[in-house]
Protein backbone atom coordinates (compact mmCIF):
# COMPACT_ATOMS: atom_id res chain seq x y z
CA MET A 1 34.12 14.38 -17.30
CA GLN A 2 31.32 17.19 -16.52
CA THR A 3 31.27 18.09 -13.14
CA ILE A 4 27.26 18.52 -12.34
CA ALA A 5 25.04 19.47 -9.23
CA LEU A 6 23.51 16.69 -7.26
CA PRO A 7 19.85 16.91 -8.64
CA PRO A 8 17.38 18.14 -6.08
CA GLN A 9 15.93 14.84 -5.62
CA TYR A 10 19.19 13.45 -3.89
CA GLU A 11 18.95 16.06 -1.03
CA VAL A 12 18.08 14.41 2.22
CA PHE A 13 17.01 15.99 5.83
CA ALA A 14 19.77 15.74 8.06
CA PRO A 15 20.95 17.02 11.27
CA PRO A 16 23.56 19.68 11.54
CA ALA A 17 27.31 18.80 11.34
CA ALA A 18 27.66 18.55 14.95
CA THR A 19 25.77 15.40 15.42
CA ALA A 20 26.68 11.76 14.81
CA ASN A 21 26.98 12.12 10.57
CA ASP A 22 26.61 14.95 8.42
CA GLY A 23 24.00 13.42 5.79
CA TYR A 24 21.52 11.50 8.01
CA ALA A 25 20.40 11.25 11.69
CA GLU A 26 21.27 8.16 13.38
CA ILE A 27 19.76 6.77 16.71
CA LEU A 28 20.53 3.56 19.40
CA LEU A 29 18.32 1.04 18.20
CA GLY A 30 18.58 -2.04 20.98
CA GLY A 31 22.07 -0.64 21.39
CA ILE A 32 22.98 -0.82 17.53
CA LYS A 33 23.71 2.70 16.18
CA THR A 34 20.77 3.14 13.02
CA ALA A 35 20.44 5.53 10.42
CA CYS A 36 17.33 7.13 9.74
CA LEU A 37 16.58 6.82 6.25
CA THR A 38 13.89 6.10 4.05
CA ARG A 39 14.22 3.68 1.37
CA ASP A 40 14.45 6.16 -1.41
CA GLU A 41 17.25 7.85 0.37
CA LEU A 42 19.28 4.83 1.47
CA SER A 43 18.70 4.33 -2.53
CA ARG A 44 20.08 7.94 -4.01
CA LEU A 45 22.99 7.63 -0.67
CA MET A 46 23.92 4.25 -2.84
CA VAL A 47 24.45 6.17 -5.67
CA VAL A 48 25.89 9.06 -4.49
CA ASP A 49 28.67 7.20 -2.72
CA CYS A 50 29.60 4.89 -5.55
CA LEU A 51 29.46 7.26 -8.39
CA LYS A 52 32.11 9.15 -5.50
CA ALA A 53 34.25 6.34 -5.44
CA ARG A 54 34.77 5.66 -8.82
CA THR A 55 37.03 8.84 -8.77
CA GLN A 56 38.93 7.48 -6.35
CA GLU A 57 42.13 5.31 -7.42
CA ILE A 58 41.85 3.31 -4.22
CA HIS A 59 38.37 2.85 -2.16
CA PRO A 60 37.36 0.07 0.00
CA PRO A 61 33.97 -0.53 -0.06
CA LYS A 62 31.35 1.37 2.57
CA LEU A 63 30.30 -1.59 4.56
CA VAL A 64 26.42 -1.50 4.89
CA PHE A 65 24.45 -3.72 7.27
CA ALA A 66 21.17 -4.75 8.11
CA SER A 67 20.27 -4.78 11.66
CA ASN A 68 16.89 -6.80 12.96
CA GLY A 69 16.13 -8.92 15.74
CA HIS A 70 18.04 -11.83 15.07
CA ALA A 71 21.59 -9.50 14.64
CA ILE A 72 20.72 -7.20 17.89
CA ALA A 73 19.99 -10.34 19.85
CA LEU A 74 23.47 -11.45 18.70
CA ALA A 75 25.22 -8.49 19.16
CA ALA A 76 24.33 -8.74 22.78
CA ARG A 77 25.17 -12.20 23.23
CA ASP A 78 28.74 -12.36 21.31
CA ALA A 79 31.00 -9.51 21.92
CA GLN A 80 32.92 -10.67 18.68
CA PHE A 81 30.00 -10.27 16.89
CA HIS A 82 29.39 -7.15 18.23
CA ASP A 83 32.53 -5.76 17.32
CA THR A 84 31.97 -6.86 13.46
CA PHE A 85 28.81 -5.63 13.36
CA VAL A 86 29.74 -2.18 14.77
CA GLN A 87 32.22 -1.54 12.13
CA ALA A 88 29.91 -0.92 9.49
CA ASP A 89 29.70 2.51 7.98
CA LEU A 90 25.96 2.45 7.77
CA ILE A 91 23.54 -0.18 9.70
CA HIS A 92 19.91 0.34 8.40
CA ALA A 93 16.59 -0.89 10.08
CA ASP A 94 15.62 -4.43 8.55
CA GLY A 95 12.91 -4.60 11.25
CA GLN A 96 9.63 -3.07 11.71
CA ALA A 97 10.06 -4.09 15.41
CA SER A 98 12.82 -1.19 15.26
CA VAL A 99 10.73 1.21 13.45
CA PHE A 100 8.52 0.95 15.80
CA ALA A 101 11.15 1.37 19.16
CA SER A 102 12.29 4.58 17.20
CA ARG A 103 8.62 6.24 17.09
CA LEU A 104 7.98 5.14 21.00
CA PHE A 105 11.58 6.47 22.36
CA THR A 106 13.19 8.90 20.45
CA ASN A 107 12.32 12.15 18.50
CA THR A 108 13.85 11.33 15.45
CA PRO A 109 12.55 8.04 14.49
CA VAL A 110 13.18 5.93 11.24
CA PRO A 111 10.79 6.74 8.52
CA GLU A 112 10.37 3.42 7.35
CA ARG A 113 11.61 -0.03 7.54
CA SER A 114 14.04 -0.80 4.88
CA ALA A 115 14.11 -4.50 4.55
CA THR A 116 17.00 -6.11 2.43
CA THR A 117 14.46 -7.92 0.31
CA ASP A 118 12.95 -4.77 -0.39
CA PHE A 119 15.79 -2.50 -0.73
CA ILE A 120 17.53 -4.69 -3.49
CA HIS A 121 15.10 -4.12 -5.71
CA ASP A 122 14.92 -0.32 -4.57
CA ALA A 123 18.56 -0.42 -5.58
CA SER A 124 18.28 -2.52 -8.62
CA ALA A 125 15.51 0.46 -10.06
CA GLU A 126 18.09 3.05 -9.05
CA ALA A 127 21.10 1.39 -10.49
CA ALA A 128 19.49 0.83 -13.77
CA THR A 129 18.98 4.43 -14.31
CA GLN A 130 22.45 5.50 -13.25
CA GLY A 131 24.45 2.76 -14.60
CA LEU A 132 25.76 1.32 -11.52
CA ARG A 133 27.54 -2.27 -11.51
CA PHE A 134 26.37 -4.98 -9.51
CA PHE A 135 28.06 -7.97 -8.35
CA LEU A 136 26.03 -11.05 -6.62
CA PHE A 137 27.74 -12.93 -4.23
CA GLY A 138 26.30 -15.60 -2.13
CA ALA A 139 23.12 -18.79 -2.41
CA THR A 140 23.46 -21.70 -4.34
CA GLU A 141 25.00 -21.33 -8.10
CA GLU A 142 21.32 -21.99 -9.41
CA ALA A 143 19.93 -19.66 -7.10
CA ASN A 144 22.20 -16.79 -7.91
CA ALA A 145 22.13 -17.25 -11.40
CA LYS A 146 18.68 -17.30 -11.35
CA ALA A 147 17.76 -14.14 -8.98
CA ALA A 148 20.76 -12.24 -11.42
CA ALA A 149 18.50 -12.94 -14.78
CA ILE A 150 15.51 -11.85 -12.89
CA LEU A 151 16.79 -8.79 -11.67
CA GLU A 152 18.18 -8.19 -15.18
CA GLU A 153 14.65 -8.87 -16.70
CA THR A 154 12.73 -6.80 -14.14
CA TYR A 155 15.16 -3.70 -14.63
CA PRO A 156 15.97 -3.02 -17.96
CA GLY A 157 19.43 -1.52 -18.10
CA LEU A 158 20.84 -3.08 -14.76
CA LYS A 159 24.55 -4.24 -15.04
CA ILE A 160 25.41 -7.03 -13.38
CA VAL A 161 29.07 -7.52 -14.30
CA GLY A 162 29.78 -10.38 -12.23
CA ARG A 163 28.22 -13.12 -9.74
CA ARG A 164 29.30 -16.31 -7.61
CA HIS A 165 27.82 -18.82 -5.64
CA GLY A 166 28.43 -18.58 -1.94
CA TYR A 167 30.02 -21.82 -1.28
CA PHE A 168 33.98 -21.62 -0.70
CA SER A 169 36.43 -22.40 2.04
CA PRO A 170 38.71 -19.63 3.81
CA ASP A 171 41.69 -20.20 1.66
CA GLN A 172 39.47 -19.13 -1.54
CA GLU A 173 38.47 -15.84 -0.31
CA GLU A 174 41.38 -13.89 -1.54
CA ASP A 175 41.07 -15.43 -4.92
CA ILE A 176 37.07 -14.58 -4.55
CA CYS A 177 38.00 -11.24 -4.21
CA ASP A 178 40.40 -10.78 -7.04
CA GLU A 179 37.52 -12.31 -9.25
CA ILE A 180 35.26 -9.85 -8.03
CA ASN A 181 38.00 -6.62 -8.47
CA LEU A 182 38.08 -7.35 -11.71
CA THR A 183 34.65 -6.98 -12.75
CA GLN A 184 35.01 -3.18 -11.19
CA PRO A 185 31.67 -3.25 -9.52
CA ASP A 186 30.17 -0.43 -7.61
CA VAL A 187 28.18 -2.51 -5.64
CA ILE A 188 28.78 -6.03 -4.01
CA TRP A 189 25.71 -8.00 -2.36
CA VAL A 190 26.60 -10.67 0.01
CA GLY A 191 24.35 -12.95 0.80
CA LEU A 192 25.88 -15.83 3.24
CA SER A 193 23.68 -15.77 6.16
CA LEU A 194 24.31 -14.25 9.57
CA PRO A 195 27.14 -14.02 10.92
CA LEU A 196 29.05 -15.52 7.71
CA GLU A 197 28.44 -12.49 5.49
CA TYR A 198 29.01 -9.55 8.19
CA GLU A 199 32.58 -11.57 9.24
CA PHE A 200 33.42 -11.95 5.43
CA ALA A 201 33.09 -8.16 4.82
CA VAL A 202 35.12 -6.72 7.55
CA ARG A 203 37.64 -9.85 6.85
CA ASN A 204 38.02 -8.80 3.20
CA ARG A 205 36.86 -4.82 3.00
CA SER A 206 40.70 -3.74 2.34
CA ARG A 207 41.24 -6.16 -0.45
CA LEU A 208 37.77 -5.11 -2.48
CA THR A 209 37.52 -2.45 -4.29
CA ALA A 210 33.53 -0.83 -4.71
CA GLY A 211 31.36 1.75 -3.70
CA TRP A 212 29.21 -0.17 -1.21
CA LEU A 213 29.62 -3.74 -0.12
CA VAL A 214 25.75 -4.65 1.14
CA THR A 215 24.79 -7.50 3.37
CA CYS A 216 21.82 -9.00 2.24
CA GLY A 217 20.84 -12.21 3.61
CA GLY A 218 18.40 -14.86 1.74
CA CYS A 219 17.67 -11.94 -0.84
CA PHE A 220 18.82 -14.09 -3.69
CA ASN A 221 16.38 -17.09 -2.64
CA TYR A 222 13.56 -14.72 -2.41
CA ILE A 223 13.94 -13.15 -5.70
CA THR A 224 13.99 -16.37 -6.93
CA GLY A 225 10.58 -17.15 -5.35
CA ASP A 226 12.45 -19.98 -3.28
CA TYR A 227 11.65 -17.79 -0.09
CA THR A 228 8.03 -16.35 0.06
CA ARG A 229 7.58 -12.81 1.82
CA ALA A 230 5.07 -12.49 4.56
CA PRO A 231 1.24 -10.65 3.40
CA ARG A 232 1.67 -7.10 3.19
CA TRP A 233 -0.33 -6.89 6.48
CA MET A 234 1.92 -8.86 8.46
CA GLN A 235 5.06 -7.16 7.40
CA THR A 236 3.28 -3.75 8.45
CA ILE A 237 2.52 -4.52 11.75
CA GLY A 238 5.82 -6.69 12.04
CA LEU A 239 4.84 -10.36 11.89
CA GLU A 240 6.60 -11.29 9.11
CA TRP A 241 8.95 -13.23 11.26
CA LEU A 242 5.87 -15.24 12.75
CA HIS A 243 5.12 -16.22 8.95
CA ARG A 244 8.70 -17.19 8.44
CA VAL A 245 8.36 -19.36 11.30
CA TRP A 246 5.24 -21.09 10.14
CA ARG A 247 6.93 -21.99 6.74
CA GLU A 248 10.11 -23.23 7.77
CA PRO A 249 9.17 -24.32 11.58
CA LYS A 250 12.28 -27.34 12.07
CA ARG A 251 14.87 -24.26 11.14
CA LEU A 252 13.74 -20.98 12.39
CA PHE A 253 11.46 -22.06 15.67
CA TRP A 254 14.01 -21.92 18.05
CA ARG A 255 16.35 -19.45 16.33
CA TYR A 256 13.34 -16.65 16.96
CA ALA A 257 12.72 -18.30 20.40
CA ALA A 258 16.06 -17.65 21.42
CA THR A 259 16.50 -14.14 19.57
CA ASN A 260 13.15 -12.52 19.79
CA PRO A 261 12.62 -12.24 23.73
CA LEU A 262 16.06 -10.45 23.99
CA ALA A 263 15.72 -8.29 20.62
CA PHE A 264 12.38 -7.22 22.38
CA PHE A 265 13.79 -6.47 25.57
CA LEU A 266 17.10 -4.56 24.10
CA LEU A 267 14.59 -2.45 21.73
CA LEU A 268 12.48 -1.24 24.89
CA THR A 269 15.49 -0.57 26.80
CA ARG A 270 18.51 0.45 24.84
CA THR A 271 16.92 2.69 22.13
CA SER A 272 17.43 6.12 22.44
CA ALA A 273 18.11 9.42 20.25
CA LEU A 274 21.77 10.69 19.40
CA ALA A 275 20.74 13.49 17.25
CA PRO A 276 18.93 17.14 18.06
CA ASP A 277 15.09 17.30 16.74
CA ALA A 278 16.06 20.22 14.44
CA TYR A 279 16.75 19.54 10.71
CA ALA A 280 17.90 20.97 7.92
CA PRO A 281 17.99 19.90 4.28
CA VAL A 282 21.87 19.11 3.35
CA LEU A 283 23.16 18.35 -0.38
CA MET A 284 24.73 14.78 0.54
CA ALA A 285 27.60 15.47 -2.33
CA THR A 286 28.37 16.58 -5.66
CA VAL A 287 28.23 13.95 -8.29
CA ARG A 288 30.51 13.36 -11.43
CA ASN A 289 28.16 12.63 -14.68
CA ALA A 290 28.33 8.69 -14.97
CA ALA A 291 27.99 9.06 -18.75
């Protein structure tokens, strides 16, 4: 294979090597170390990591988790979940409130919200052009199959090499990992809801071979249209959770009533910078031609 330099569009701005991470800035958001990346940068980092992973004979996937109000509150209340959550290699800001808090309390704010429901589309577009392979794991069989079909139709060239519904018993996990590995995916999407998907990812990381393992909650149901997004203006001002409560009050009212106040408190009191203000453009990696 021919070695090529990373294209200019894959450069990102990152703090010097003395900071928490060589490739991008990180800050504390609600007590959780969170990456300061745009959606485009997150997608490009996925490509770089996955193409690099292909050159390694054994490569457990990088764990990529999403931080939102529910996760921040649960991490503060449940020590076991906190220990699981912080094992992620990269945590991105799924909630708009986190973006607002980073702007208020740090000099290195998160540039924009990277909701997983948006990121799966960004990632699919990038994967279609770069030849990355996806495995979709989670949701019902019907929703999973429909989501795979929609993604393949929407992003011509996208390779979904395998998929599986998210209903299983603990003694099936090893077989599921073997099934996933046989398809040789670059990115494994795990949509099992919180906290199950985080626990599955950490518990089975050493069994899986891929570039990234991304937790994605109810993404497959959003792709199919079974769940609907809030209007853009509600997303922009951080009220998508209210739209969800309005759509599903019986299931979600008490969850948000219990987690939102604590999450807001944590964002106000446990948000701080980890990196210096100065940024320098760095080349994230040298990758090999996927062809």
